[in-house]
Every structure is written in C-alpha cells, then in structure tokens.
Amino acid sequence: MRAKPPFEAVVAAHGTTVLRVCRAVLGPADADDAWSETFLSALRAYPDLPADANVEAWLVTIAHRRAIDVTRAAARRALPVADVPEAGTAPGADHRELDGDLAGALSRLPPRQKQAIAYHYLAGLGYAEVAAITGGTADAARRAAADGIARLRRTLAAVTISAEGCR
C-alpha cells in the first residue's frame, strides 16, 4: 500500500485544475472563493481518503459541490437594479450582445453542459467520472459535453460573423 503525499503536494499538483473548473462553472467572480472552500473541505477530509483514490476526481467532486452551494446562495440573493427592464426584453437575446470570448460563451451554457465540459475537458476526467460527480450516466455526460461544445461553436461562430459584418 502506497503512502499518501502530503496535502501541500496535492494542492500543488491539482490546484490549477480545480481553479480552471471553478472558473468555468462559476465564472471569475466566485471562482477564487470556491477554490479556497474546495481545498478547506478537502484538507478536513484528506486523512480519511484512501491512498489509492483518484485525488483529482475527488477534488473536482468537492469543487462541484461548492459550485452548487455558490449557485444556490446567489439565487437566494436579491439583486438591486437601477431601472426595471421593460417586459418582453431578455438580456443576451441579441447575438450582438455576446462578448465573443470563450469564458463568456461558456458561462451562458446550461449547467449540465457547462459542468460536463469543465470536468471532462478542463479537469481531464473520463465521462464515467463526470457522471459520478453530476449524476446520470456516462452516455448522458458525453451527450451534455457534445451538445455544449456544439453550442459553443455556434455561439462563437455567430459572434465572429457579426463582428466581421461590422467592419
């Protein structure tokens, strides 16, 4: 049985991946707090983690739970606005409002697609591990990632086309 590395080594080895996942799922405003909370939770649980556990998948699972907590807390907070929008207008409904960057396009994906892309492409987890984190099957995780990638391509292509038309 191999010994577990010190927790500092775990943070050094997986900290960047967890931060990328937090940024992809939550956006840059909440990512740092979620990253910190992920590693605080992990530090408490690390002594009980089996030596042969997949540490990266374990950390992404914790980050996923932190992201859910942050999302739920944000949904409960009231947001002050200067002016009440007119009925029938939806922010972001016009493609010209898209900022054209990948992070912005990723933030507009449905949660399942965003999570599947973040956990598979950014954290490098297999679809079975993504399914274990998010719930569902590996096939559903694969489908969510594929749908999300297709939607990102369409969104970014629309932004590129509209930007080229403005020149």
Protein backbone atom coordinates (compact mmCIF):
# COMPACT_ATOMS: atom_id res chain seq x y z
CA MET A 1 0.00 0.00 0.00
CA ARG A 2 1.48 3.32 -1.03
CA ALA A 3 1.53 6.32 1.28
CA LYS A 4 -0.48 9.42 0.51
CA PRO A 5 1.51 12.51 -0.44
CA PRO A 6 1.39 15.50 1.91
CA PHE A 7 -1.61 17.74 1.36
CA GLU A 8 0.62 20.58 0.15
CA ALA A 9 1.72 18.34 -2.74
CA VAL A 10 -1.95 17.65 -3.59
CA VAL A 11 -2.67 21.39 -3.73
CA ALA A 12 0.40 21.99 -5.90
CA ALA A 13 -0.47 19.14 -8.26
CA HIS A 14 -4.21 19.80 -8.64
CA GLY A 15 -4.77 23.43 -7.64
CA THR A 16 -4.65 24.78 -11.19
CA THR A 17 -7.11 22.19 -12.49
CA VAL A 18 -9.57 22.88 -9.67
CA LEU A 19 -9.31 26.63 -10.29
CA ARG A 20 -9.98 26.17 -14.02
CA VAL A 21 -13.04 24.07 -13.21
CA CYS A 22 -14.31 26.64 -10.70
CA ARG A 23 -13.83 29.46 -13.21
CA ALA A 24 -15.58 27.54 -15.97
CA VAL A 25 -18.57 26.58 -13.82
CA LEU A 26 -18.95 29.75 -11.75
CA GLY A 27 -17.13 32.49 -13.62
CA PRO A 28 -14.18 34.52 -12.38
CA ALA A 29 -16.07 36.45 -9.68
CA ASP A 30 -16.84 33.41 -7.50
CA ALA A 31 -14.07 31.03 -8.60
CA ASP A 32 -11.41 32.03 -6.06
CA ASP A 33 -13.76 31.61 -3.11
CA ALA A 34 -14.99 28.25 -4.41
CA TRP A 35 -11.36 27.13 -4.93
CA SER A 36 -10.49 28.07 -1.34
CA GLU A 37 -13.58 26.38 0.06
CA THR A 38 -12.82 23.27 -2.01
CA PHE A 39 -9.35 22.91 -0.53
CA LEU A 40 -10.51 23.71 3.01
CA SER A 41 -13.08 20.91 2.74
CA ALA A 42 -10.50 18.63 1.17
CA LEU A 43 -8.00 19.33 3.95
CA ARG A 44 -10.53 18.23 6.56
CA ALA A 45 -11.39 15.03 4.67
CA TYR A 46 -7.91 14.17 3.37
CA PRO A 47 -6.85 11.99 6.34
CA ASP A 48 -9.74 9.61 5.63
CA LEU A 49 -9.14 9.43 1.86
CA PRO A 50 -7.85 6.01 0.75
CA ALA A 51 -4.27 6.08 -0.55
CA ASP A 52 -5.35 4.63 -3.92
CA ALA A 53 -8.17 7.14 -4.51
CA ASN A 54 -8.32 9.28 -7.65
CA VAL A 55 -7.43 12.56 -5.94
CA GLU A 56 -8.20 14.74 -8.95
CA ALA A 57 -11.72 13.32 -9.36
CA TRP A 58 -12.24 13.63 -5.60
CA LEU A 59 -11.24 17.31 -5.68
CA VAL A 60 -13.43 18.04 -8.72
CA THR A 61 -16.35 16.42 -6.88
CA ILE A 62 -15.77 18.73 -3.92
CA ALA A 63 -15.46 21.73 -6.28
CA HIS A 64 -18.73 20.68 -7.94
CA ARG A 65 -20.49 20.70 -4.57
CA ARG A 66 -19.02 24.11 -3.71
CA ALA A 67 -20.22 25.43 -7.07
CA ILE A 68 -23.74 24.18 -6.30
CA ASP A 69 -23.59 25.95 -2.92
CA VAL A 70 -22.43 29.22 -4.52
CA THR A 71 -25.09 29.00 -7.24
CA ARG A 72 -27.86 28.33 -4.72
CA ALA A 73 -26.70 31.19 -2.49
CA ALA A 74 -26.61 33.58 -5.45
CA ALA A 75 -30.13 32.56 -6.45
CA ARG A 76 -31.40 33.50 -2.98
CA ARG A 77 -29.82 36.98 -3.01
CA ALA A 78 -31.80 39.93 -4.27
CA LEU A 79 -30.07 41.94 -6.97
CA PRO A 80 -30.63 45.67 -6.95
CA VAL A 81 -31.24 47.30 -10.33
CA ALA A 82 -31.37 50.96 -11.31
CA ASP A 83 -34.26 50.53 -13.73
CA VAL A 84 -36.77 47.75 -14.10
CA PRO A 85 -36.45 46.28 -17.62
CA GLU A 86 -39.40 46.52 -19.96
CA ALA A 87 -41.49 43.39 -20.35
CA GLY A 88 -40.51 41.19 -23.27
CA THR A 89 -36.80 42.05 -23.32
CA ALA A 90 -34.36 39.36 -22.38
CA PRO A 91 -30.73 40.22 -21.69
CA GLY A 92 -28.39 38.43 -24.05
CA ALA A 93 -31.14 37.62 -26.54
CA ASP A 94 -29.35 39.57 -29.26
CA HIS A 95 -26.16 37.98 -30.61
CA ARG A 96 -24.57 41.42 -30.85
CA GLU A 97 -24.50 41.50 -27.04
CA LEU A 98 -22.25 38.44 -26.86
CA ASP A 99 -18.75 39.30 -25.77
CA GLY A 100 -17.09 36.81 -28.09
CA ASP A 101 -14.75 35.20 -25.60
CA LEU A 102 -14.84 31.57 -24.66
CA ALA A 103 -15.36 32.22 -20.95
CA GLY A 104 -18.40 34.38 -21.68
CA ALA A 105 -19.87 31.82 -24.05
CA LEU A 106 -19.20 29.03 -21.54
CA SER A 107 -20.97 30.96 -18.79
CA ARG A 108 -24.15 31.06 -20.88
CA LEU A 109 -24.40 27.27 -21.29
CA PRO A 110 -26.96 25.27 -19.32
CA PRO A 111 -25.46 23.93 -16.07
CA ARG A 112 -25.18 20.27 -17.19
CA GLN A 113 -23.35 21.21 -20.39
CA LYS A 114 -21.08 23.66 -18.59
CA GLN A 115 -20.21 21.09 -15.92
CA ALA A 116 -19.61 18.28 -18.42
CA ILE A 117 -17.25 20.48 -20.45
CA ALA A 118 -15.43 21.77 -17.37
CA TYR A 119 -14.98 18.37 -15.76
CA HIS A 120 -14.10 16.48 -18.94
CA TYR A 121 -12.09 19.00 -20.97
CA LEU A 122 -10.61 21.18 -18.24
CA ALA A 123 -10.13 18.63 -15.46
CA GLY A 124 -9.44 15.73 -17.82
CA LEU A 125 -11.88 13.35 -16.17
CA GLY A 126 -13.48 10.50 -18.07
CA TYR A 127 -17.20 10.54 -18.79
CA ALA A 128 -17.84 7.88 -16.14
CA GLU A 129 -16.20 10.12 -13.54
CA VAL A 130 -18.13 13.16 -14.80
CA ALA A 131 -21.35 11.14 -14.47
CA ALA A 132 -20.41 10.10 -10.92
CA ILE A 133 -19.97 13.76 -9.98
CA THR A 134 -23.00 15.24 -11.72
CA GLY A 135 -25.37 12.29 -11.53
CA GLY A 136 -26.61 10.32 -14.51
CA THR A 137 -24.82 8.04 -16.91
CA ALA A 138 -21.55 8.27 -18.81
CA ASP A 139 -23.55 8.47 -22.04
CA ALA A 140 -25.56 11.41 -20.68
CA ALA A 141 -22.34 13.17 -19.64
CA ARG A 142 -20.87 12.56 -23.10
CA ARG A 143 -24.03 13.92 -24.74
CA ALA A 144 -24.06 17.01 -22.50
CA ALA A 145 -20.41 17.71 -23.35
CA ALA A 146 -21.01 17.21 -27.07
CA ASP A 147 -24.10 19.44 -27.02
CA GLY A 148 -22.19 22.08 -25.06
CA ILE A 149 -19.25 22.04 -27.48
CA ALA A 150 -21.64 22.32 -30.44
CA ARG A 151 -23.42 25.23 -28.80
CA LEU A 152 -20.10 26.96 -28.03
CA ARG A 153 -19.06 26.57 -31.67
CA ARG A 154 -22.35 28.07 -32.90
CA THR A 155 -22.17 30.92 -30.40
CA LEU A 156 -18.57 31.79 -31.17
CA ALA A 157 -19.19 31.48 -34.92
CA ALA A 158 -22.17 33.86 -34.67
CA VAL A 159 -20.07 36.37 -32.76
CA THR A 160 -17.28 36.12 -35.34
CA ILE A 161 -19.69 36.56 -38.25
CA SER A 162 -21.41 39.56 -36.65
CA ALA A 163 -18.05 41.12 -35.76
CA GLU A 164 -16.85 40.69 -39.35
CA GLY A 165 -20.05 42.27 -40.65
CA CYS A 166 -19.42 45.39 -38.51
CA ARG A 167 -16.05 46.09 -40.12
